[in-house]
Amino acid sequence: RYRVFRQGELVEEVTDLSALWRDDLVTFLIGCSFSFEE
C-alpha cells in the first residue's frame, strides 16, 4: 500500500502507482525496524 501526497497533504492511499508515475521521480529505500524484530 502507498500514500500519495500533494502540497504536503495526504490525498489518497493506493495499491498501484502505475497511473500516477512520472519520469522525474526518484525512489529512496530506507531501513525498517521490522528487520531487527527477527
PDB file of all heavy atoms in Angstrom:
ATOM      1  N   ARG A   1       0.845  -1.197   0.000  1.00  0.00           N
ATOM      2  CA  ARG A   1       0.000   0.000   0.000  1.00  0.00           C
ATOM      3  C   ARG A   1       0.881   1.247   0.000  1.00  0.00           C
ATOM      4  O   ARG A   1       1.928   1.265   0.642  1.00  0.00           O
ATOM      5  CB  ARG A   1      -0.924   0.000   1.216  1.00  0.00           C
ATOM      6  CG  ARG A   1      -1.983   1.092   1.220  1.00  0.00           C
ATOM      7  CD  ARG A   1      -2.956   0.888   2.381  1.00  0.00           C
ATOM      8  NE  ARG A   1      -3.748  -0.325   2.197  1.00  0.00           N
ATOM      9  CZ  ARG A   1      -4.855  -0.396   1.472  1.00  0.00           C
ATOM     10  NH1 ARG A   1      -5.324   0.692   0.871  1.00  0.00           N
ATOM     11  NH2 ARG A   1      -5.505  -1.536   1.359  1.00  0.00           N
ATOM     12  N   TYR A   2       0.444   2.270  -0.735  1.00  0.00           N
ATOM     13  CA  TYR A   2       1.192   3.513  -0.876  1.00  0.00           C
ATOM     14  C   TYR A   2       0.351   4.696  -0.397  1.00  0.00           C
ATOM     15  O   TYR A   2      -0.878   4.660  -0.448  1.00  0.00           O
ATOM     16  CB  TYR A   2       1.552   3.763  -2.348  1.00  0.00           C
ATOM     17  CG  TYR A   2       2.276   2.656  -3.046  1.00  0.00           C
ATOM     18  CD1 TYR A   2       1.572   1.597  -3.630  1.00  0.00           C
ATOM     19  CD2 TYR A   2       3.663   2.669  -3.151  1.00  0.00           C
ATOM     20  CE1 TYR A   2       2.243   0.581  -4.301  1.00  0.00           C
ATOM     21  CE2 TYR A   2       4.336   1.663  -3.832  1.00  0.00           C
ATOM     22  CZ  TYR A   2       3.623   0.612  -4.395  1.00  0.00           C
ATOM     23  OH  TYR A   2       4.286  -0.392  -5.057  1.00  0.00           O
ATOM     24  N   ARG A   3       1.057   5.766   0.002  1.00  0.00           N
ATOM     25  CA  ARG A   3       0.406   7.034   0.307  1.00  0.00           C
ATOM     26  C   ARG A   3       0.842   8.088  -0.699  1.00  0.00           C
ATOM     27  O   ARG A   3       2.034   8.198  -1.000  1.00  0.00           O
ATOM     28  CB  ARG A   3       0.743   7.491   1.724  1.00  0.00           C
ATOM     29  CG  ARG A   3      -0.023   6.733   2.799  1.00  0.00           C
ATOM     30  CD  ARG A   3       0.204   7.323   4.169  1.00  0.00           C
ATOM     31  NE  ARG A   3      -0.821   6.875   5.100  1.00  0.00           N
ATOM     32  CZ  ARG A   3      -0.959   7.311   6.346  1.00  0.00           C
ATOM     33  NH1 ARG A   3      -0.109   8.234   6.820  1.00  0.00           N
ATOM     34  NH2 ARG A   3      -1.926   6.872   7.105  1.00  0.00           N
ATOM     35  N   VAL A   4      -0.098   8.866  -1.186  1.00  0.00           N
ATOM     36  CA  VAL A   4       0.165   9.902  -2.183  1.00  0.00           C
ATOM     37  C   VAL A   4      -0.072  11.268  -1.534  1.00  0.00           C
ATOM     38  O   VAL A   4      -1.118  11.490  -0.905  1.00  0.00           O
ATOM     39  CB  VAL A   4      -0.746   9.731  -3.409  1.00  0.00           C
ATOM     40  CG1 VAL A   4      -0.455  10.811  -4.450  1.00  0.00           C
ATOM     41  CG2 VAL A   4      -0.569   8.335  -4.010  1.00  0.00           C
ATOM     42  N   PHE A   5       0.914  12.161  -1.669  1.00  0.00           N
ATOM     43  CA  PHE A   5       0.852  13.493  -1.079  1.00  0.00           C
ATOM     44  C   PHE A   5       0.918  14.548  -2.180  1.00  0.00           C
ATOM     45  O   PHE A   5       1.691  14.418  -3.129  1.00  0.00           O
ATOM     46  CB  PHE A   5       2.030  13.726  -0.121  1.00  0.00           C
ATOM     47  CG  PHE A   5       2.038  12.813   1.076  1.00  0.00           C
ATOM     48  CD1 PHE A   5       2.557  11.522   0.988  1.00  0.00           C
ATOM     49  CD2 PHE A   5       1.546  13.241   2.299  1.00  0.00           C
ATOM     50  CE1 PHE A   5       2.570  10.678   2.088  1.00  0.00           C
ATOM     51  CE2 PHE A   5       1.559  12.414   3.408  1.00  0.00           C
ATOM     52  CZ  PHE A   5       2.072  11.128   3.302  1.00  0.00           C
ATOM     53  N   ARG A   6       0.124  15.601  -2.025  1.00  0.00           N
ATOM     54  CA  ARG A   6       0.192  16.774  -2.902  1.00  0.00           C
ATOM     55  C   ARG A   6       0.232  18.018  -2.016  1.00  0.00           C
ATOM     56  O   ARG A   6      -0.581  18.147  -1.105  1.00  0.00           O
ATOM     57  CB  ARG A   6      -1.002  16.821  -3.862  1.00  0.00           C
ATOM     58  CG  ARG A   6      -1.027  15.640  -4.840  1.00  0.00           C
ATOM     59  CD  ARG A   6      -2.160  15.782  -5.856  1.00  0.00           C
ATOM     60  NE  ARG A   6      -2.291  14.587  -6.678  1.00  0.00           N
ATOM     61  CZ  ARG A   6      -1.580  14.322  -7.772  1.00  0.00           C
ATOM     62  NH1 ARG A   6      -0.677  15.201  -8.193  1.00  0.00           N
ATOM     63  NH2 ARG A   6      -1.768  13.207  -8.470  1.00  0.00           N
ATOM     64  N   GLN A   7       1.210  18.875  -2.282  1.00  0.00           N
ATOM     65  CA  GLN A   7       1.421  20.085  -1.472  1.00  0.00           C
ATOM     66  C   GLN A   7       1.526  19.745   0.015  1.00  0.00           C
ATOM     67  O   GLN A   7       1.073  20.496   0.877  1.00  0.00           O
ATOM     68  CB  GLN A   7       0.285  21.089  -1.706  1.00  0.00           C
ATOM     69  CG  GLN A   7       0.045  21.447  -3.162  1.00  0.00           C
ATOM     70  CD  GLN A   7       1.278  22.046  -3.846  1.00  0.00           C
ATOM     71  OE1 GLN A   7       2.088  22.708  -3.216  1.00  0.00           O
ATOM     72  NE2 GLN A   7       1.421  21.802  -5.153  1.00  0.00           N
ATOM     73  N   GLY A   8       2.137  18.593   0.310  1.00  0.00           N
ATOM     74  CA  GLY A   8       2.350  18.187   1.690  1.00  0.00           C
ATOM     75  C   GLY A   8       1.167  17.535   2.361  1.00  0.00           C
ATOM     76  O   GLY A   8       1.265  17.128   3.524  1.00  0.00           O
ATOM     77  N   GLU A   9       0.042  17.399   1.676  1.00  0.00           N
ATOM     78  CA  GLU A   9      -1.163  16.821   2.265  1.00  0.00           C
ATOM     79  C   GLU A   9      -1.415  15.421   1.702  1.00  0.00           C
ATOM     80  O   GLU A   9      -1.310  15.202   0.486  1.00  0.00           O
ATOM     81  CB  GLU A   9      -2.375  17.708   1.985  1.00  0.00           C
ATOM     82  CG  GLU A   9      -2.270  19.113   2.578  1.00  0.00           C
ATOM     83  CD  GLU A   9      -2.276  19.112   4.088  1.00  0.00           C
ATOM     84  OE1 GLU A   9      -2.900  18.203   4.682  1.00  0.00           O
ATOM     85  OE2 GLU A   9      -1.661  20.021   4.683  1.00  0.00           O
ATOM     86  N   LEU A  10      -1.734  14.484   2.597  1.00  0.00           N
ATOM     87  CA  LEU A  10      -2.117  13.147   2.157  1.00  0.00           C
ATOM     88  C   LEU A  10      -3.438  13.227   1.413  1.00  0.00           C
ATOM     89  O   LEU A  10      -4.438  13.693   1.957  1.00  0.00           O
ATOM     90  CB  LEU A  10      -2.241  12.219   3.369  1.00  0.00           C
ATOM     91  CG  LEU A  10      -2.774  10.810   3.100  1.00  0.00           C
ATOM     92  CD1 LEU A  10      -1.822  10.030   2.203  1.00  0.00           C
ATOM     93  CD2 LEU A  10      -2.992  10.075   4.425  1.00  0.00           C
ATOM     94  N   VAL A  11      -3.444  12.780   0.162  1.00  0.00           N
ATOM     95  CA  VAL A  11      -4.669  12.869  -0.637  1.00  0.00           C
ATOM     96  C   VAL A  11      -5.300  11.514  -0.913  1.00  0.00           C
ATOM     97  O   VAL A  11      -6.506  11.439  -1.148  1.00  0.00           O
ATOM     98  CB  VAL A  11      -4.416  13.614  -1.973  1.00  0.00           C
ATOM     99  CG1 VAL A  11      -4.064  15.065  -1.712  1.00  0.00           C
ATOM    100  CG2 VAL A  11      -3.325  12.929  -2.810  1.00  0.00           C
ATOM    101  N   GLU A  12      -4.514  10.435  -0.885  1.00  0.00           N
ATOM    102  CA  GLU A  12      -5.102   9.114  -1.098  1.00  0.00           C
ATOM    103  C   GLU A  12      -4.110   8.018  -0.748  1.00  0.00           C
ATOM    104  O   GLU A  12      -2.901   8.243  -0.668  1.00  0.00           O
ATOM    105  CB  GLU A  12      -5.558   8.940  -2.553  1.00  0.00           C
ATOM    106  CG  GLU A  12      -4.454   9.035  -3.592  1.00  0.00           C
ATOM    107  CD  GLU A  12      -4.976   8.844  -5.007  1.00  0.00           C
ATOM    108  OE1 GLU A  12      -5.953   8.073  -5.204  1.00  0.00           O
ATOM    109  OE2 GLU A  12      -4.406   9.447  -5.935  1.00  0.00           O
ATOM    110  N   GLU A  13      -4.663   6.818  -0.502  1.00  0.00           N
ATOM    111  CA  GLU A  13      -3.869   5.603  -0.387  1.00  0.00           C
ATOM    112  C   GLU A  13      -4.256   4.698  -1.544  1.00  0.00           C
ATOM    113  O   GLU A  13      -5.439   4.550  -1.855  1.00  0.00           O
ATOM    114  CB  GLU A  13      -4.106   4.896   0.950  1.00  0.00           C
ATOM    115  CG  GLU A  13      -3.446   5.564   2.125  1.00  0.00           C
ATOM    116  CD  GLU A  13      -3.356   4.660   3.350  1.00  0.00           C
ATOM    117  OE1 GLU A  13      -3.819   3.499   3.289  1.00  0.00           O
ATOM    118  OE2 GLU A  13      -2.796   5.110   4.375  1.00  0.00           O
ATOM    119  N   VAL A  14      -3.245   4.097  -2.178  1.00  0.00           N
ATOM    120  CA  VAL A  14      -3.477   3.238  -3.334  1.00  0.00           C
ATOM    121  C   VAL A  14      -2.612   1.985  -3.213  1.00  0.00           C
ATOM    122  O   VAL A  14      -1.676   1.928  -2.413  1.00  0.00           O
ATOM    123  CB  VAL A  14      -3.160   3.983  -4.659  1.00  0.00           C
ATOM    124  CG1 VAL A  14      -4.051   5.200  -4.823  1.00  0.00           C
ATOM    125  CG2 VAL A  14      -1.691   4.388  -4.716  1.00  0.00           C
ATOM    126  N   THR A  15      -2.920   0.995  -4.030  1.00  0.00           N
ATOM    127  CA  THR A  15      -2.117  -0.224  -4.069  1.00  0.00           C
ATOM    128  C   THR A  15      -1.352  -0.361  -5.377  1.00  0.00           C
ATOM    129  O   THR A  15      -0.641  -1.353  -5.570  1.00  0.00           O
ATOM    130  CB  THR A  15      -3.009  -1.463  -3.868  1.00  0.00           C
ATOM    131  OG1 THR A  15      -4.038  -1.477  -4.869  1.00  0.00           O
ATOM    132  CG2 THR A  15      -3.660  -1.448  -2.483  1.00  0.00           C
ATOM    133  N   ASP A  16      -1.460   0.617  -6.256  1.00  0.00           N
ATOM    134  CA  ASP A  16      -0.780   0.584  -7.555  1.00  0.00           C
ATOM    135  C   ASP A  16      -0.502   2.026  -7.988  1.00  0.00           C
ATOM    136  O   ASP A  16      -1.410   2.856  -8.015  1.00  0.00           O
ATOM    137  CB  ASP A  16      -1.670  -0.121  -8.585  1.00  0.00           C
ATOM    138  CG  ASP A  16      -0.971  -0.395  -9.903  1.00  0.00           C
ATOM    139  OD1 ASP A  16      -0.151   0.447 -10.337  1.00  0.00           O
ATOM    140  OD2 ASP A  16      -1.248  -1.434 -10.523  1.00  0.00           O
ATOM    141  N   LEU A  17       0.762   2.307  -8.313  1.00  0.00           N
ATOM    142  CA  LEU A  17       1.167   3.663  -8.692  1.00  0.00           C
ATOM    143  C   LEU A  17       1.244   3.878 -10.201  1.00  0.00           C
ATOM    144  O   LEU A  17       1.620   4.966 -10.646  1.00  0.00           O
ATOM    145  CB  LEU A  17       2.543   3.983  -8.099  1.00  0.00           C
ATOM    146  CG  LEU A  17       2.676   3.987  -6.581  1.00  0.00           C
ATOM    147  CD1 LEU A  17       4.143   4.192  -6.189  1.00  0.00           C
ATOM    148  CD2 LEU A  17       1.796   5.053  -5.955  1.00  0.00           C
ATOM    149  N   SER A  18       0.908   2.871 -10.972  1.00  0.00           N
ATOM    150  CA  SER A  18       1.153   2.939 -12.416  1.00  0.00           C
ATOM    151  C   SER A  18       0.522   4.168 -13.055  1.00  0.00           C
ATOM    152  O   SER A  18       1.138   4.837 -13.895  1.00  0.00           O
ATOM    153  CB  SER A  18       0.631   1.666 -13.093  1.00  0.00           C
ATOM    154  OG  SER A  18       1.301   0.518 -12.596  1.00  0.00           O
ATOM    155  N   ALA A  19      -0.689   4.500 -12.661  1.00  0.00           N
ATOM    156  CA  ALA A  19      -1.382   5.629 -13.270  1.00  0.00           C
ATOM    157  C   ALA A  19      -0.833   6.971 -12.808  1.00  0.00           C
ATOM    158  O   ALA A  19      -1.085   8.000 -13.442  1.00  0.00           O
ATOM    159  CB  ALA A  19      -2.879   5.550 -12.956  1.00  0.00           C
ATOM    160  N   LEU A  20      -0.045   6.975 -11.730  1.00  0.00           N
ATOM    161  CA  LEU A  20       0.493   8.214 -11.160  1.00  0.00           C
ATOM    162  C   LEU A  20       1.959   8.437 -11.501  1.00  0.00           C
ATOM    163  O   LEU A  20       2.508   9.493 -11.190  1.00  0.00           O
ATOM    164  CB  LEU A  20       0.335   8.184  -9.628  1.00  0.00           C
ATOM    165  CG  LEU A  20      -1.087   8.115  -9.081  1.00  0.00           C
ATOM    166  CD1 LEU A  20      -1.065   7.825  -7.593  1.00  0.00           C
ATOM    167  CD2 LEU A  20      -1.828   9.416  -9.361  1.00  0.00           C
ATOM    168  N   TRP A  21       2.593   7.468 -12.112  1.00  0.00           N
ATOM    169  CA  TRP A  21       4.051   7.509 -12.262  1.00  0.00           C
ATOM    170  C   TRP A  21       4.497   8.619 -13.194  1.00  0.00           C
ATOM    171  O   TRP A  21       3.835   8.933 -14.190  1.00  0.00           O
ATOM    172  CB  TRP A  21       4.578   6.165 -12.763  1.00  0.00           C
ATOM    173  CG  TRP A  21       6.062   6.062 -12.611  1.00  0.00           C
ATOM    174  CD1 TRP A  21       7.008   6.116 -13.584  1.00  0.00           C
ATOM    175  CD2 TRP A  21       6.774   5.915 -11.379  1.00  0.00           C
ATOM    176  NE1 TRP A  21       8.262   6.008 -13.052  1.00  0.00           N
ATOM    177  CE2 TRP A  21       8.153   5.887 -11.686  1.00  0.00           C
ATOM    178  CE3 TRP A  21       6.389   5.808 -10.038  1.00  0.00           C
ATOM    179  CZ2 TRP A  21       9.139   5.751 -10.721  1.00  0.00           C
ATOM    180  CZ3 TRP A  21       7.370   5.673  -9.076  1.00  0.00           C
ATOM    181  CH2 TRP A  21       8.728   5.653  -9.418  1.00  0.00           C
ATOM    182  N   ARG A  22       5.655   9.223 -12.848  1.00  0.00           N
ATOM    183  CA  ARG A  22       6.259  10.282 -13.652  1.00  0.00           C
ATOM    184  C   ARG A  22       7.732   9.958 -13.895  1.00  0.00           C
ATOM    185  O   ARG A  22       8.375   9.334 -13.065  1.00  0.00           O
ATOM    186  CB  ARG A  22       6.162  11.634 -12.930  1.00  0.00           C
ATOM    187  CG  ARG A  22       4.777  12.083 -12.686  1.00  0.00           C
ATOM    188  CD  ARG A  22       4.586  13.374 -11.920  1.00  0.00           C
ATOM    189  NE  ARG A  22       5.747  14.095 -11.437  1.00  0.00           N
ATOM    190  CZ  ARG A  22       5.673  15.176 -10.650  1.00  0.00           C
ATOM    191  NH1 ARG A  22       4.486  15.646 -10.278  1.00  0.00           N
ATOM    192  NH2 ARG A  22       6.764  15.797 -10.238  1.00  0.00           N
ATOM    193  N   ASP A  23       8.250  10.420 -15.011  1.00  0.00           N
ATOM    194  CA  ASP A  23       9.634  10.120 -15.378  1.00  0.00           C
ATOM    195  C   ASP A  23      10.658  10.882 -14.553  1.00  0.00           C
ATOM    196  O   ASP A  23      11.859  10.587 -14.635  1.00  0.00           O
ATOM    197  CB  ASP A  23       9.858  10.411 -16.864  1.00  0.00           C
ATOM    198  CG  ASP A  23       9.143   9.420 -17.766  1.00  0.00           C
ATOM    199  OD1 ASP A  23       8.820   8.311 -17.282  1.00  0.00           O
ATOM    200  OD2 ASP A  23       8.909   9.749 -18.941  1.00  0.00           O
ATOM    201  N   ASP A  24      10.224  11.871 -13.753  1.00  0.00           N
ATOM    202  CA  ASP A  24      11.181  12.630 -12.944  1.00  0.00           C
ATOM    203  C   ASP A  24      11.232  12.145 -11.492  1.00  0.00           C
ATOM    204  O   ASP A  24      11.890  12.767 -10.655  1.00  0.00           O
ATOM    205  CB  ASP A  24      10.825  14.121 -12.959  1.00  0.00           C
ATOM    206  CG  ASP A  24       9.536  14.428 -12.198  1.00  0.00           C
ATOM    207  OD1 ASP A  24       8.625  13.567 -12.194  1.00  0.00           O
ATOM    208  OD2 ASP A  24       9.445  15.518 -11.602  1.00  0.00           O
ATOM    209  N   LEU A  25      10.597  11.018 -11.174  1.00  0.00           N
ATOM    210  CA  LEU A  25      10.531  10.557  -9.791  1.00  0.00           C
ATOM    211  C   LEU A  25      11.741   9.708  -9.427  1.00  0.00           C
ATOM    212  O   LEU A  25      12.180   8.853 -10.215  1.00  0.00           O
ATOM    213  CB  LEU A  25       9.245   9.763  -9.567  1.00  0.00           C
ATOM    214  CG  LEU A  25       7.942  10.568  -9.720  1.00  0.00           C
ATOM    215  CD1 LEU A  25       6.737   9.660  -9.554  1.00  0.00           C
ATOM    216  CD2 LEU A  25       7.897  11.724  -8.720  1.00  0.00           C
ATOM    217  N   VAL A  26      12.266   9.939  -8.222  1.00  0.00           N
ATOM    218  CA  VAL A  26      13.429   9.202  -7.704  1.00  0.00           C
ATOM    219  C   VAL A  26      13.007   8.443  -6.454  1.00  0.00           C
ATOM    220  O   VAL A  26      12.415   9.025  -5.528  1.00  0.00           O
ATOM    221  CB  VAL A  26      14.592  10.155  -7.374  1.00  0.00           C
ATOM    222  CG1 VAL A  26      15.774   9.369  -6.805  1.00  0.00           C
ATOM    223  CG2 VAL A  26      15.016  10.928  -8.619  1.00  0.00           C
ATOM    224  N   THR A  27      13.328   7.161  -6.408  1.00  0.00           N
ATOM    225  CA  THR A  27      12.947   6.297  -5.287  1.00  0.00           C
ATOM    226  C   THR A  27      14.101   6.130  -4.309  1.00  0.00           C
ATOM    227  O   THR A  27      15.240   5.880  -4.706  1.00  0.00           O
ATOM    228  CB  THR A  27      12.520   4.909  -5.799  1.00  0.00           C
ATOM    229  OG1 THR A  27      11.405   5.058  -6.682  1.00  0.00           O
ATOM    230  CG2 THR A  27      12.133   3.996  -4.650  1.00  0.00           C
ATOM    231  N   PHE A  28      13.786   6.262  -3.020  1.00  0.00           N
ATOM    232  CA  PHE A  28      14.719   6.004  -1.931  1.00  0.00           C
ATOM    233  C   PHE A  28      14.171   4.879  -1.065  1.00  0.00           C
ATOM    234  O   PHE A  28      12.974   4.855  -0.752  1.00  0.00           O
ATOM    235  CB  PHE A  28      14.892   7.254  -1.051  1.00  0.00           C
ATOM    236  CG  PHE A  28      15.564   8.410  -1.726  1.00  0.00           C
ATOM    237  CD1 PHE A  28      14.844   9.271  -2.545  1.00  0.00           C
ATOM    238  CD2 PHE A  28      16.924   8.645  -1.542  1.00  0.00           C
ATOM    239  CE1 PHE A  28      15.464  10.346  -3.165  1.00  0.00           C
ATOM    240  CE2 PHE A  28      17.547   9.713  -2.158  1.00  0.00           C
ATOM    241  CZ  PHE A  28      16.817  10.570  -2.968  1.00  0.00           C
ATOM    242  N   LEU A  29      15.048   3.960  -0.662  1.00  0.00           N
ATOM    243  CA  LEU A  29      14.676   2.891   0.270  1.00  0.00           C
ATOM    244  C   LEU A  29      15.460   3.066   1.559  1.00  0.00           C
ATOM    245  O   LEU A  29      16.676   3.262   1.539  1.00  0.00           O
ATOM    246  CB  LEU A  29      14.941   1.518  -0.338  1.00  0.00           C
ATOM    247  CG  LEU A  29      14.105   1.169  -1.577  1.00  0.00           C
ATOM    248  CD1 LEU A  29      14.470  -0.223  -2.072  1.00  0.00           C
ATOM    249  CD2 LEU A  29      12.614   1.262  -1.285  1.00  0.00           C
ATOM    250  N   ILE A  30      14.760   2.990   2.668  1.00  0.00           N
ATOM    251  CA  ILE A  30      15.308   3.280   3.991  1.00  0.00           C
ATOM    252  C   ILE A  30      15.047   2.106   4.907  1.00  0.00           C
ATOM    253  O   ILE A  30      13.968   1.497   4.880  1.00  0.00           O
ATOM    254  CB  ILE A  30      14.653   4.578   4.541  1.00  0.00           C
ATOM    255  CG1 ILE A  30      15.072   5.774   3.673  1.00  0.00           C
ATOM    256  CG2 ILE A  30      15.014   4.811   6.005  1.00  0.00           C
ATOM    257  CD1 ILE A  30      14.268   7.021   3.923  1.00  0.00           C
ATOM    258  N   GLY A  31      16.033   1.766   5.741  1.00  0.00           N
ATOM    259  CA  GLY A  31      15.927   0.624   6.638  1.00  0.00           C
ATOM    260  C   GLY A  31      14.720   0.697   7.549  1.00  0.00           C
ATOM    261  O   GLY A  31      14.260   1.770   7.929  1.00  0.00           O
ATOM    262  N   CYS A  32      14.203  -0.468   7.931  1.00  0.00           N
ATOM    263  CA  CYS A  32      12.964  -0.580   8.702  1.00  0.00           C
ATOM    264  C   CYS A  32      13.187  -1.447   9.937  1.00  0.00           C
ATOM    265  O   CYS A  32      13.900  -2.453   9.884  1.00  0.00           O
ATOM    266  CB  CYS A  32      11.879  -1.198   7.819  1.00  0.00           C
ATOM    267  SG  CYS A  32      10.390  -1.688   8.704  1.00  0.00           S
ATOM    268  N   SER A  33      12.540  -1.062  11.029  1.00  0.00           N
ATOM    269  CA  SER A  33      12.699  -1.804  12.288  1.00  0.00           C
ATOM    270  C   SER A  33      12.158  -3.221  12.209  1.00  0.00           C
ATOM    271  O   SER A  33      12.551  -4.070  13.011  1.00  0.00           O
ATOM    272  CB  SER A  33      12.002  -1.055  13.429  1.00  0.00           C
ATOM    273  OG  SER A  33      10.624  -0.893  13.171  1.00  0.00           O
ATOM    274  N   PHE A  34      11.267  -3.514  11.250  1.00  0.00           N
ATOM    275  CA  PHE A  34      10.783  -4.883  11.126  1.00  0.00           C
ATOM    276  C   PHE A  34      11.936  -5.856  10.911  1.00  0.00           C
ATOM    277  O   PHE A  34      11.851  -7.033  11.262  1.00  0.00           O
ATOM    278  CB  PHE A  34       9.793  -5.000   9.961  1.00  0.00           C
ATOM    279  CG  PHE A  34       8.463  -4.343  10.193  1.00  0.00           C
ATOM    280  CD1 PHE A  34       7.532  -4.264   9.173  1.00  0.00           C
ATOM    281  CD2 PHE A  34       8.134  -3.801  11.418  1.00  0.00           C
ATOM    282  CE1 PHE A  34       6.299  -3.661   9.359  1.00  0.00           C
ATOM    283  CE2 PHE A  34       6.902  -3.184  11.628  1.00  0.00           C
ATOM    284  CZ  PHE A  34       5.984  -3.125  10.597  1.00  0.00           C
ATOM    285  N   SER A  35      13.027  -5.385  10.335  1.00  0.00           N
ATOM    286  CA  SER A  35      14.157  -6.274  10.041  1.00  0.00           C
ATOM    287  C   SER A  35      14.854  -6.771  11.300  1.00  0.00           C
ATOM    288  O   SER A  35      15.374  -7.890  11.322  1.00  0.00           O
ATOM    289  CB  SER A  35      15.167  -5.554   9.139  1.00  0.00           C
ATOM    290  OG  SER A  35      14.648  -5.359   7.845  1.00  0.00           O
ATOM    291  N   PHE A  36      14.927  -5.955  12.358  1.00  0.00           N
ATOM    292  CA  PHE A  36      15.610  -6.440  13.555  1.00  0.00           C
ATOM    293  C   PHE A  36      14.681  -7.227  14.481  1.00  0.00           C
ATOM    294  O   PHE A  36      15.139  -7.850  15.435  1.00  0.00           O
ATOM    295  CB  PHE A  36      16.313  -5.315  14.317  1.00  0.00           C
ATOM    296  CG  PHE A  36      15.441  -4.225  14.873  1.00  0.00           C
ATOM    297  CD1 PHE A  36      14.472  -4.474  15.826  1.00  0.00           C
ATOM    298  CD2 PHE A  36      15.622  -2.911  14.456  1.00  0.00           C
ATOM    299  CE1 PHE A  36      13.690  -3.468  16.349  1.00  0.00           C
ATOM    300  CE2 PHE A  36      14.839  -1.887  14.972  1.00  0.00           C
ATOM    301  CZ  PHE A  36      13.865  -2.170  15.928  1.00  0.00           C
ATOM    302  N   GLU A  37      13.370  -7.208  14.207  1.00  0.00           N
ATOM    303  CA  GLU A  37      12.453  -7.973  15.054  1.00  0.00           C
ATOM    304  C   GLU A  37      12.816  -9.453  15.058  1.00  0.00           C
ATOM    305  O   GLU A  37      12.682 -10.138  16.084  1.00  0.00           O
ATOM    306  CB  GLU A  37      11.011  -7.780  14.574  1.00  0.00           C
ATOM    307  CG  GLU A  37      10.455  -6.397  14.848  1.00  0.00           C
ATOM    308  CD  GLU A  37       9.045  -6.197  14.357  1.00  0.00           C
ATOM    309  OE1 GLU A  37       8.599  -6.948  13.464  1.00  0.00           O
ATOM    310  OE2 GLU A  37       8.380  -5.276  14.868  1.00  0.00           O
ATOM    311  N   GLU A  38      13.294  -9.948  13.926  1.00  0.00           N
ATOM    312  CA  GLU A  38      13.686 -11.362  13.840  1.00  0.00           C
ATOM    313  C   GLU A  38      14.759 -11.703  14.863  1.00  0.00           C
ATOM    314  O   GLU A  38      14.687 -12.735  15.535  1.00  0.00           O
ATOM    315  CB  GLU A  38      14.191 -11.663  12.425  1.00  0.00           C
ATOM    316  CG  GLU A  38      14.779 -13.056  12.272  1.00  0.00           C
ATOM    317  CD  GLU A  38      15.499 -13.221  10.949  1.00  0.00           C
ATOM    318  OE1 GLU A  38      15.486 -12.292  10.132  1.00  0.00           O
ATOM    319  OE2 GLU A  38      16.087 -14.293  10.755  1.00  0.00           O
TER     320      GLU A  38
END
